Amino acid sequence: MSPYRRAALLLIRLVAFGLMLFSILQMGAYFFLVRTGKTPDDSLVMISLKTLPLLIGFGLLIKSSSIAKRVTEDFE
């Protein structure tokens, strides 16, 4: 594996992990508010938008090797 592809793979996986972590922290804060008895003002649309980075990050994590290969084809 070329060093360019390895660096691109690391960057893509880091972005995917960051998206997933952000979404998990948002959902964790929401469920913490629910468990403490406070009612958050989020609608179903807002909750589904908070889970969108989790799905995007998971998709990036699955497709990371093919994306890195496609991005680094010109460098080899």
C-alpha atoms as a PDB file:
ATOM      1  CA  MET A   1       0.000   0.000   0.000  1.00  0.00           C
ATOM      2  CA  SER A   2       1.386   3.380  -0.979  1.00  0.00           C
ATOM      3  CA  PRO A   3       1.961   6.036   1.685  1.00  0.00           C
ATOM      4  CA  TYR A   4      -0.481   8.377  -0.069  1.00  0.00           C
ATOM      5  CA  ARG A   5      -3.252   5.800   0.078  1.00  0.00           C
ATOM      6  CA  ARG A   6      -2.455   5.058   3.708  1.00  0.00           C
ATOM      7  CA  ALA A   7      -2.618   8.771   4.588  1.00  0.00           C
ATOM      8  CA  ALA A   8      -5.897   9.207   2.695  1.00  0.00           C
ATOM      9  CA  LEU A   9      -7.328   6.147   4.433  1.00  0.00           C
ATOM     10  CA  LEU A  10      -6.315   7.543   7.825  1.00  0.00           C
ATOM     11  CA  LEU A  11      -7.905  10.905   7.064  1.00  0.00           C
ATOM     12  CA  ILE A  12     -11.162   9.370   5.816  1.00  0.00           C
ATOM     13  CA  ARG A  13     -11.415   7.077   8.829  1.00  0.00           C
ATOM     14  CA  LEU A  14     -10.654   9.978  11.177  1.00  0.00           C
ATOM     15  CA  VAL A  15     -13.443  12.072   9.634  1.00  0.00           C
ATOM     16  CA  ALA A  16     -15.830   9.107   9.820  1.00  0.00           C
ATOM     17  CA  PHE A  17     -14.979   8.516  13.471  1.00  0.00           C
ATOM     18  CA  GLY A  18     -15.459  12.220  14.247  1.00  0.00           C
ATOM     19  CA  LEU A  19     -18.886  12.250  12.616  1.00  0.00           C
ATOM     20  CA  MET A  20     -19.941   9.144  14.490  1.00  0.00           C
ATOM     21  CA  LEU A  21     -18.625  10.488  17.803  1.00  0.00           C
ATOM     22  CA  PHE A  22     -20.414  13.815  17.323  1.00  0.00           C
ATOM     23  CA  SER A  23     -23.709  12.075  16.638  1.00  0.00           C
ATOM     24  CA  ILE A  24     -23.333   9.680  19.569  1.00  0.00           C
ATOM     25  CA  LEU A  25     -22.601  12.589  21.922  1.00  0.00           C
ATOM     26  CA  GLN A  26     -25.682  14.458  20.643  1.00  0.00           C
ATOM     27  CA  MET A  27     -27.910  11.428  21.159  1.00  0.00           C
ATOM     28  CA  GLY A  28     -26.340  10.788  24.564  1.00  0.00           C
ATOM     29  CA  ALA A  29     -27.111  14.328  25.679  1.00  0.00           C
ATOM     30  CA  TYR A  30     -30.694  13.939  24.462  1.00  0.00           C
ATOM     31  CA  PHE A  31     -31.226  10.680  26.345  1.00  0.00           C
ATOM     32  CA  PHE A  32     -29.568  12.133  29.444  1.00  0.00           C
ATOM     33  CA  LEU A  33     -32.105  14.963  29.411  1.00  0.00           C
ATOM     34  CA  VAL A  34     -34.950  12.484  29.005  1.00  0.00           C
ATOM     35  CA  ARG A  35     -33.671  10.343  31.908  1.00  0.00           C
ATOM     36  CA  THR A  36     -33.366  13.354  34.243  1.00  0.00           C
ATOM     37  CA  GLY A  37     -36.972  14.308  33.617  1.00  0.00           C
ATOM     38  CA  LYS A  38     -36.431  17.436  31.567  1.00  0.00           C
ATOM     39  CA  THR A  39     -38.265  17.581  28.275  1.00  0.00           C
ATOM     40  CA  PRO A  40     -36.063  18.594  25.352  1.00  0.00           C
ATOM     41  CA  ASP A  41     -37.621  20.786  22.689  1.00  0.00           C
ATOM     42  CA  ASP A  42     -36.445  18.582  19.828  1.00  0.00           C
ATOM     43  CA  SER A  43     -38.939  17.296  17.309  1.00  0.00           C
ATOM     44  CA  LEU A  44     -38.706  14.008  15.466  1.00  0.00           C
ATOM     45  CA  VAL A  45     -37.126  15.789  12.498  1.00  0.00           C
ATOM     46  CA  MET A  46     -34.328  17.220  14.670  1.00  0.00           C
ATOM     47  CA  ILE A  47     -33.644  13.844  16.267  1.00  0.00           C
ATOM     48  CA  SER A  48     -33.406  12.211  12.857  1.00  0.00           C
ATOM     49  CA  LEU A  49     -31.045  14.990  11.692  1.00  0.00           C
ATOM     50  CA  LYS A  50     -28.827  14.280  14.697  1.00  0.00           C
ATOM     51  CA  THR A  51     -28.526  10.651  13.635  1.00  0.00           C
ATOM     52  CA  LEU A  52     -27.587  11.596  10.066  1.00  0.00           C
ATOM     53  CA  PRO A  53     -23.847  12.118  10.849  1.00  0.00           C
ATOM     54  CA  LEU A  54     -23.801   8.652  12.423  1.00  0.00           C
ATOM     55  CA  LEU A  55     -25.085   7.100   9.224  1.00  0.00           C
ATOM     56  CA  ILE A  56     -22.740   9.145   7.039  1.00  0.00           C
ATOM     57  CA  GLY A  57     -19.776   8.232   9.242  1.00  0.00           C
ATOM     58  CA  PHE A  58     -20.701   4.563   9.176  1.00  0.00           C
ATOM     59  CA  GLY A  59     -20.966   4.675   5.384  1.00  0.00           C
ATOM     60  CA  LEU A  60     -17.601   6.413   5.120  1.00  0.00           C
ATOM     61  CA  LEU A  61     -16.041   3.823   7.377  1.00  0.00           C
ATOM     62  CA  ILE A  62     -17.340   0.986   5.228  1.00  0.00           C
ATOM     63  CA  LYS A  63     -16.338   2.585   1.906  1.00  0.00           C
ATOM     64  CA  SER A  64     -13.070   4.150   3.131  1.00  0.00           C
ATOM     65  CA  SER A  65     -10.704   1.860   1.237  1.00  0.00           C
ATOM     66  CA  SER A  66     -12.446   2.347  -2.102  1.00  0.00           C
ATOM     67  CA  ILE A  67     -12.624   6.127  -1.578  1.00  0.00           C
ATOM     68  CA  ALA A  68      -8.917   6.262  -0.678  1.00  0.00           C
ATOM     69  CA  LYS A  69      -8.058   4.198  -3.738  1.00  0.00           C
ATOM     70  CA  ARG A  70     -10.080   6.473  -6.003  1.00  0.00           C
ATOM     71  CA  VAL A  71      -8.573   9.637  -4.515  1.00  0.00           C
ATOM     72  CA  THR A  72      -4.946   8.478  -4.731  1.00  0.00           C
ATOM     73  CA  GLU A  73      -5.008   6.962  -8.234  1.00  0.00           C
ATOM     74  CA  ASP A  74      -3.380  10.082  -9.710  1.00  0.00           C
ATOM     75  CA  PHE A  75      -0.505  10.113  -7.214  1.00  0.00           C
ATOM     76  CA  GLU A  76       0.857   6.681  -8.154  1.00  0.00           C
END
